[in-house]
Amino acid sequence: MKDLVEFIAKSLVDDPAQVKVSEVQGANSVIIELHVRPRRHGRVIGKGGRVANAMRTLVRVLAAKEGKRVTLEIV
C-alpha cells in the first residue's frame, strides 16, 4: 500500500525526491502519511480533492483484501 501511494504521488509532482511516505502499523489498521512540499499539495490533492479521494479508494481496496483498515493522510 505504501509503495502504491508513493508511486502515484511521485508521478504527480515535478520533483519526485520531495515525496516522503511513512506507514504506521496497528493491530487491524494502518495509517499512511504522505509528506509533500507545501507548494505541491494542490497537485496531490487535485481539484475538489478528487485525486486524494481516488488514492484513498485504491488503498482501501488493497487493505480490505488483507482484512485491515487504512487511513491516508496528506501532511
PDB file of N, CA and C in Angstrom:
ATOM      1  N   MET A   1       0.823  -1.184   0.000  1.00  0.00           N
ATOM      2  CA  MET A   1       0.000   0.000   0.000  1.00  0.00           C
ATOM      3  C   MET A   1       0.869   1.252   0.000  1.00  0.00           C
ATOM      4  N   LYS A   2       1.906   1.220   0.807  1.00  0.00           N
ATOM      5  CA  LYS A   2       2.816   2.362   0.880  1.00  0.00           C
ATOM      6  C   LYS A   2       3.463   2.609  -0.475  1.00  0.00           C
ATOM      7  N   ASP A   3       3.859   1.550  -1.141  1.00  0.00           N
ATOM      8  CA  ASP A   3       4.507   1.670  -2.448  1.00  0.00           C
ATOM      9  C   ASP A   3       3.562   2.259  -3.491  1.00  0.00           C
ATOM     10  N   LEU A   4       2.303   1.886  -3.429  1.00  0.00           N
ATOM     11  CA  LEU A   4       1.318   2.408  -4.379  1.00  0.00           C
ATOM     12  C   LEU A   4       1.139   3.908  -4.198  1.00  0.00           C
ATOM     13  N   VAL A   5       0.990   4.355  -2.964  1.00  0.00           N
ATOM     14  CA  VAL A   5       0.827   5.780  -2.683  1.00  0.00           C
ATOM     15  C   VAL A   5       2.059   6.549  -3.126  1.00  0.00           C
ATOM     16  N   GLU A   6       3.233   5.997  -2.855  1.00  0.00           N
ATOM     17  CA  GLU A   6       4.481   6.655  -3.236  1.00  0.00           C
ATOM     18  C   GLU A   6       4.594   6.760  -4.756  1.00  0.00           C
ATOM     19  N   PHE A   7       4.248   5.711  -5.464  1.00  0.00           N
ATOM     20  CA  PHE A   7       4.309   5.715  -6.926  1.00  0.00           C
ATOM     21  C   PHE A   7       3.375   6.765  -7.521  1.00  0.00           C
ATOM     22  N   ILE A   8       2.149   6.816  -7.033  1.00  0.00           N
ATOM     23  CA  ILE A   8       1.178   7.773  -7.559  1.00  0.00           C
ATOM     24  C   ILE A   8       1.618   9.204  -7.268  1.00  0.00           C
ATOM     25  N   ALA A   9       2.046   9.457  -6.043  1.00  0.00           N
ATOM     26  CA  ALA A   9       2.450  10.817  -5.663  1.00  0.00           C
ATOM     27  C   ALA A   9       3.670  11.272  -6.450  1.00  0.00           C
ATOM     28  N   LYS A  10       4.645  10.397  -6.628  1.00  0.00           N
ATOM     29  CA  LYS A  10       5.842  10.767  -7.385  1.00  0.00           C
ATOM     30  C   LYS A  10       5.517  11.013  -8.851  1.00  0.00           C
ATOM     31  N   SER A  11       4.496  10.367  -9.367  1.00  0.00           N
ATOM     32  CA  SER A  11       4.085  10.582 -10.749  1.00  0.00           C
ATOM     33  C   SER A  11       3.403  11.935 -10.933  1.00  0.00           C
ATOM     34  N   LEU A  12       2.831  12.464  -9.867  1.00  0.00           N
ATOM     35  CA  LEU A  12       2.078  13.715  -9.963  1.00  0.00           C
ATOM     36  C   LEU A  12       2.925  14.972  -9.803  1.00  0.00           C
ATOM     37  N   VAL A  13       3.987  14.905  -9.023  1.00  0.00           N
ATOM     38  CA  VAL A  13       4.776  16.107  -8.731  1.00  0.00           C
ATOM     39  C   VAL A  13       5.946  16.250  -9.697  1.00  0.00           C
ATOM     40  N   ASP A  14       6.503  17.470  -9.745  1.00  0.00           N
ATOM     41  CA  ASP A  14       7.627  17.753 -10.631  1.00  0.00           C
ATOM     42  C   ASP A  14       8.928  17.147 -10.131  1.00  0.00           C
ATOM     43  N   ASP A  15       9.132  17.181  -8.804  1.00  0.00           N
ATOM     44  CA  ASP A  15      10.373  16.683  -8.207  1.00  0.00           C
ATOM     45  C   ASP A  15      10.059  15.488  -7.300  1.00  0.00           C
ATOM     46  N   PRO A  16      10.181  14.263  -7.805  1.00  0.00           N
ATOM     47  CA  PRO A  16       9.837  13.075  -7.012  1.00  0.00           C
ATOM     48  C   PRO A  16      10.659  12.911  -5.739  1.00  0.00           C
ATOM     49  N   ALA A  17      11.816  13.541  -5.662  1.00  0.00           N
ATOM     50  CA  ALA A  17      12.643  13.418  -4.464  1.00  0.00           C
ATOM     51  C   ALA A  17      12.004  14.106  -3.261  1.00  0.00           C
ATOM     52  N   GLN A  18      11.046  14.990  -3.477  1.00  0.00           N
ATOM     53  CA  GLN A  18      10.399  15.717  -2.389  1.00  0.00           C
ATOM     54  C   GLN A  18       9.239  14.939  -1.759  1.00  0.00           C
ATOM     55  N   VAL A  19       8.929  13.767  -2.264  1.00  0.00           N
ATOM     56  CA  VAL A  19       7.818  12.960  -1.750  1.00  0.00           C
ATOM     57  C   VAL A  19       8.347  11.972  -0.719  1.00  0.00           C
ATOM     58  N   LYS A  20       7.737  11.963   0.454  1.00  0.00           N
ATOM     59  CA  LYS A  20       8.084  11.020   1.515  1.00  0.00           C
ATOM     60  C   LYS A  20       6.802  10.334   1.977  1.00  0.00           C
ATOM     61  N   VAL A  21       6.850   9.037   2.131  1.00  0.00           N
ATOM     62  CA  VAL A  21       5.696   8.271   2.584  1.00  0.00           C
ATOM     63  C   VAL A  21       6.123   7.447   3.792  1.00  0.00           C
ATOM     64  N   SER A  22       5.346   7.553   4.868  1.00  0.00           N
ATOM     65  CA  SER A  22       5.631   6.743   6.050  1.00  0.00           C
ATOM     66  C   SER A  22       4.376   5.951   6.403  1.00  0.00           C
ATOM     67  N   GLU A  23       4.591   4.839   7.083  1.00  0.00           N
ATOM     68  CA  GLU A  23       3.497   3.924   7.387  1.00  0.00           C
ATOM     69  C   GLU A  23       3.554   3.556   8.865  1.00  0.00           C
ATOM     70  N   VAL A  24       2.412   3.681   9.544  1.00  0.00           N
ATOM     71  CA  VAL A  24       2.310   3.321  10.954  1.00  0.00           C
ATOM     72  C   VAL A  24       1.366   2.134  11.053  1.00  0.00           C
ATOM     73  N   GLN A  25       1.900   1.000  11.505  1.00  0.00           N
ATOM     74  CA  GLN A  25       1.116  -0.238  11.606  1.00  0.00           C
ATOM     75  C   GLN A  25       0.422  -0.336  12.962  1.00  0.00           C
ATOM     76  N   GLY A  26      -0.814  -0.781  12.944  1.00  0.00           N
ATOM     77  CA  GLY A  26      -1.560  -1.088  14.150  1.00  0.00           C
ATOM     78  C   GLY A  26      -1.999  -2.535  14.086  1.00  0.00           C
ATOM     79  N   ALA A  27      -2.822  -2.952  15.025  1.00  0.00           N
ATOM     80  CA  ALA A  27      -3.293  -4.336  15.047  1.00  0.00           C
ATOM     81  C   ALA A  27      -4.133  -4.649  13.807  1.00  0.00           C
ATOM     82  N   ASN A  28      -5.146  -3.845  13.574  1.00  0.00           N
ATOM     83  CA  ASN A  28      -6.008  -4.066  12.409  1.00  0.00           C
ATOM     84  C   ASN A  28      -6.078  -2.855  11.501  1.00  0.00           C
ATOM     85  N   SER A  29      -5.238  -1.870  11.749  1.00  0.00           N
ATOM     86  CA  SER A  29      -5.306  -0.662  10.943  1.00  0.00           C
ATOM     87  C   SER A  29      -3.916  -0.181  10.558  1.00  0.00           C
ATOM     88  N   VAL A  30      -3.876   0.613   9.515  1.00  0.00           N
ATOM     89  CA  VAL A  30      -2.629   1.176   9.008  1.00  0.00           C
ATOM     90  C   VAL A  30      -2.879   2.654   8.715  1.00  0.00           C
ATOM     91  N   ILE A  31      -1.944   3.496   9.119  1.00  0.00           N
ATOM     92  CA  ILE A  31      -2.007   4.915   8.781  1.00  0.00           C
ATOM     93  C   ILE A  31      -0.847   5.207   7.845  1.00  0.00           C
ATOM     94  N   ILE A  32      -1.164   5.727   6.670  1.00  0.00           N
ATOM     95  CA  ILE A  32      -0.142   6.087   5.693  1.00  0.00           C
ATOM     96  C   ILE A  32      -0.092   7.604   5.628  1.00  0.00           C
ATOM     97  N   GLU A  33       1.089   8.154   5.898  1.00  0.00           N
ATOM     98  CA  GLU A  33       1.274   9.602   5.862  1.00  0.00           C
ATOM     99  C   GLU A  33       2.067   9.965   4.626  1.00  0.00           C
ATOM    100  N   LEU A  34       1.515  10.866   3.840  1.00  0.00           N
ATOM    101  CA  LEU A  34       2.149  11.334   2.615  1.00  0.00           C
ATOM    102  C   LEU A  34       2.645  12.754   2.855  1.00  0.00           C
ATOM    103  N   HIS A  35       3.956  12.928   2.795  1.00  0.00           N
ATOM    104  CA  HIS A  35       4.568  14.236   3.009  1.00  0.00           C
ATOM    105  C   HIS A  35       4.998  14.801   1.658  1.00  0.00           C
ATOM    106  N   VAL A  36       4.467  15.991   1.335  1.00  0.00           N
ATOM    107  CA  VAL A  36       4.778  16.658   0.086  1.00  0.00           C
ATOM    108  C   VAL A  36       5.051  18.127   0.409  1.00  0.00           C
ATOM    109  N   ARG A  37       5.922  18.756  -0.386  1.00  0.00           N
ATOM    110  CA  ARG A  37       6.198  20.181  -0.181  1.00  0.00           C
ATOM    111  C   ARG A  37       4.892  20.965  -0.262  1.00  0.00           C
ATOM    112  N   PRO A  38       4.763  22.024   0.534  1.00  0.00           N
ATOM    113  CA  PRO A  38       3.503  22.794   0.552  1.00  0.00           C
ATOM    114  C   PRO A  38       3.070  23.323  -0.812  1.00  0.00           C
ATOM    115  N   ARG A  39       4.003  23.645  -1.670  1.00  0.00           N
ATOM    116  CA  ARG A  39       3.631  24.145  -2.996  1.00  0.00           C
ATOM    117  C   ARG A  39       3.041  23.059  -3.884  1.00  0.00           C
ATOM    118  N   ARG A  40       3.267  21.809  -3.562  1.00  0.00           N
ATOM    119  CA  ARG A  40       2.799  20.702  -4.402  1.00  0.00           C
ATOM    120  C   ARG A  40       1.561  20.011  -3.848  1.00  0.00           C
ATOM    121  N   HIS A  41       1.009  20.511  -2.757  1.00  0.00           N
ATOM    122  CA  HIS A  41      -0.199  19.902  -2.211  1.00  0.00           C
ATOM    123  C   HIS A  41      -1.339  19.895  -3.223  1.00  0.00           C
ATOM    124  N   GLY A  42      -1.442  20.961  -3.994  1.00  0.00           N
ATOM    125  CA  GLY A  42      -2.533  21.070  -4.961  1.00  0.00           C
ATOM    126  C   GLY A  42      -2.533  19.961  -5.993  1.00  0.00           C
ATOM    127  N   ARG A  43      -1.364  19.584  -6.455  1.00  0.00           N
ATOM    128  CA  ARG A  43      -1.290  18.512  -7.459  1.00  0.00           C
ATOM    129  C   ARG A  43      -1.664  17.168  -6.861  1.00  0.00           C
ATOM    130  N   VAL A  44      -1.279  16.929  -5.628  1.00  0.00           N
ATOM    131  CA  VAL A  44      -1.561  15.643  -4.993  1.00  0.00           C
ATOM    132  C   VAL A  44      -3.019  15.563  -4.546  1.00  0.00           C
ATOM    133  N   ILE A  45      -3.561  16.673  -4.094  1.00  0.00           N
ATOM    134  CA  ILE A  45      -4.949  16.680  -3.637  1.00  0.00           C
ATOM    135  C   ILE A  45      -5.910  16.724  -4.822  1.00  0.00           C
ATOM    136  N   GLY A  46      -5.582  17.514  -5.825  1.00  0.00           N
ATOM    137  CA  GLY A  46      -6.433  17.597  -7.012  1.00  0.00           C
ATOM    138  C   GLY A  46      -7.586  18.554  -6.821  1.00  0.00           C
ATOM    139  N   LYS A  47      -8.252  18.847  -7.900  1.00  0.00           N
ATOM    140  CA  LYS A  47      -9.377  19.783  -7.871  1.00  0.00           C
ATOM    141  C   LYS A  47     -10.546  19.173  -7.104  1.00  0.00           C
ATOM    142  N   GLY A  48     -10.912  19.829  -6.037  1.00  0.00           N
ATOM    143  CA  GLY A  48     -12.010  19.319  -5.212  1.00  0.00           C
ATOM    144  C   GLY A  48     -11.649  18.060  -4.443  1.00  0.00           C
ATOM    145  N   GLY A  49     -10.365  17.732  -4.367  1.00  0.00           N
ATOM    146  CA  GLY A  49      -9.931  16.550  -3.634  1.00  0.00           C
ATOM    147  C   GLY A  49     -10.111  15.250  -4.388  1.00  0.00           C
ATOM    148  N   ARG A  50     -10.298  15.330  -5.679  1.00  0.00           N
ATOM    149  CA  ARG A  50     -10.574  14.123  -6.472  1.00  0.00           C
ATOM    150  C   ARG A  50      -9.400  13.150  -6.504  1.00  0.00           C
ATOM    151  N   VAL A  51      -8.186  13.666  -6.666  1.00  0.00           N
ATOM    152  CA  VAL A  51      -7.013  12.789  -6.733  1.00  0.00           C
ATOM    153  C   VAL A  51      -6.779  12.127  -5.382  1.00  0.00           C
ATOM    154  N   ALA A  52      -6.882  12.907  -4.308  1.00  0.00           N
ATOM    155  CA  ALA A  52      -6.683  12.365  -2.965  1.00  0.00           C
ATOM    156  C   ALA A  52      -7.734  11.296  -2.656  1.00  0.00           C
ATOM    157  N   ASN A  53      -8.978  11.562  -3.018  1.00  0.00           N
ATOM    158  CA  ASN A  53     -10.035  10.578  -2.767  1.00  0.00           C
ATOM    159  C   ASN A  53      -9.829   9.313  -3.593  1.00  0.00           C
ATOM    160  N   ALA A  54      -9.344   9.453  -4.806  1.00  0.00           N
ATOM    161  CA  ALA A  54      -9.077   8.271  -5.640  1.00  0.00           C
ATOM    162  C   ALA A  54      -7.956   7.431  -5.031  1.00  0.00           C
ATOM    163  N   MET A  55      -6.907   8.093  -4.533  1.00  0.00           N
ATOM    164  CA  MET A  55      -5.817   7.360  -3.881  1.00  0.00           C
ATOM    165  C   MET A  55      -6.326   6.658  -2.627  1.00  0.00           C
ATOM    166  N   ARG A  56      -7.166   7.329  -1.855  1.00  0.00           N
ATOM    167  CA  ARG A  56      -7.737   6.706  -0.647  1.00  0.00           C
ATOM    168  C   ARG A  56      -8.578   5.484  -0.999  1.00  0.00           C
ATOM    169  N   THR A  57      -9.341   5.579  -2.071  1.00  0.00           N
ATOM    170  CA  THR A  57     -10.175   4.451  -2.503  1.00  0.00           C
ATOM    171  C   THR A  57      -9.322   3.259  -2.901  1.00  0.00           C
ATOM    172  N   LEU A  58      -8.268   3.495  -3.668  1.00  0.00           N
ATOM    173  CA  LEU A  58      -7.390   2.401  -4.086  1.00  0.00           C
ATOM    174  C   LEU A  58      -6.731   1.726  -2.888  1.00  0.00           C
ATOM    175  N   VAL A  59      -6.289   2.531  -1.941  1.00  0.00           N
ATOM    176  CA  VAL A  59      -5.613   1.985  -0.769  1.00  0.00           C
ATOM    177  C   VAL A  59      -6.602   1.209   0.107  1.00  0.00           C
ATOM    178  N   ARG A  60      -7.826   1.704   0.208  1.00  0.00           N
ATOM    179  CA  ARG A  60      -8.839   0.984   0.997  1.00  0.00           C
ATOM    180  C   ARG A  60      -9.151  -0.387   0.396  1.00  0.00           C
ATOM    181  N   VAL A  61      -9.190  -0.459  -0.928  1.00  0.00           N
ATOM    182  CA  VAL A  61      -9.465  -1.744  -1.595  1.00  0.00           C
ATOM    183  C   VAL A  61      -8.344  -2.736  -1.294  1.00  0.00           C
ATOM    184  N   LEU A  62      -7.098  -2.282  -1.387  1.00  0.00           N
ATOM    185  CA  LEU A  62      -5.970  -3.169  -1.061  1.00  0.00           C
ATOM    186  C   LEU A  62      -6.013  -3.607   0.397  1.00  0.00           C
ATOM    187  N   ALA A  63      -6.356  -2.689   1.280  1.00  0.00           N
ATOM    188  CA  ALA A  63      -6.408  -3.012   2.705  1.00  0.00           C
ATOM    189  C   ALA A  63      -7.550  -3.992   3.000  1.00  0.00           C
ATOM    190  N   ALA A  64      -8.660  -3.839   2.326  1.00  0.00           N
ATOM    191  CA  ALA A  64      -9.796  -4.733   2.544  1.00  0.00           C
ATOM    192  C   ALA A  64      -9.452  -6.168   2.170  1.00  0.00           C
ATOM    193  N   LYS A  65      -8.648  -6.334   1.137  1.00  0.00           N
ATOM    194  CA  LYS A  65      -8.220  -7.679   0.744  1.00  0.00           C
ATOM    195  C   LYS A  65      -7.374  -8.335   1.829  1.00  0.00           C
ATOM    196  N   GLU A  66      -6.652  -7.506   2.608  1.00  0.00           N
ATOM    197  CA  GLU A  66      -5.818  -8.021   3.686  1.00  0.00           C
ATOM    198  C   GLU A  66      -6.551  -8.052   5.017  1.00  0.00           C
ATOM    199  N   GLY A  67      -7.805  -7.598   5.027  1.00  0.00           N
ATOM    200  CA  GLY A  67      -8.589  -7.587   6.252  1.00  0.00           C
ATOM    201  C   GLY A  67      -8.181  -6.486   7.219  1.00  0.00           C
ATOM    202  N   LYS A  68      -7.712  -5.366   6.686  1.00  0.00           N
ATOM    203  CA  LYS A  68      -7.281  -4.249   7.518  1.00  0.00           C
ATOM    204  C   LYS A  68      -8.030  -2.989   7.135  1.00  0.00           C
ATOM    205  N   ARG A  69      -7.894  -1.972   7.970  1.00  0.00           N
ATOM    206  CA  ARG A  69      -8.440  -0.655   7.677  1.00  0.00           C
ATOM    207  C   ARG A  69      -7.255   0.281   7.456  1.00  0.00           C
ATOM    208  N   VAL A  70      -7.422   1.214   6.548  1.00  0.00           N
ATOM    209  CA  VAL A  70      -6.319   2.119   6.238  1.00  0.00           C
ATOM    210  C   VAL A  70      -6.809   3.551   6.190  1.00  0.00           C
ATOM    211  N   THR A  71      -5.927   4.459   6.603  1.00  0.00           N
ATOM    212  CA  THR A  71      -6.196   5.890   6.534  1.00  0.00           C
ATOM    213  C   THR A  71      -5.024   6.549   5.817  1.00  0.00           C
ATOM    214  N   LEU A  72      -5.324   7.361   4.818  1.00  0.00           N
ATOM    215  CA  LEU A  72      -4.300   8.099   4.094  1.00  0.00           C
ATOM    216  C   LEU A  72      -4.371   9.548   4.517  1.00  0.00           C
ATOM    217  N   GLU A  73      -3.276  10.053   5.069  1.00  0.00           N
ATOM    218  CA  GLU A  73      -3.194  11.441   5.499  1.00  0.00           C
ATOM    219  C   GLU A  73      -2.162  12.166   4.651  1.00  0.00           C
ATOM    220  N   ILE A  74      -2.550  13.302   4.122  1.00  0.00           N
ATOM    221  CA  ILE A  74      -1.624  14.123   3.349  1.00  0.00           C
ATOM    222  C   ILE A  74      -1.152  15.236   4.272  1.00  0.00           C
ATOM    223  N   VAL A  75       0.130  15.197   4.597  1.00  0.00           N
ATOM    224  CA  VAL A  75       0.702  16.114   5.591  1.00  0.00           C
ATOM    225  C   VAL A  75       1.439  17.218   4.889  1.00  0.00           C
TER     226      VAL A  75
END
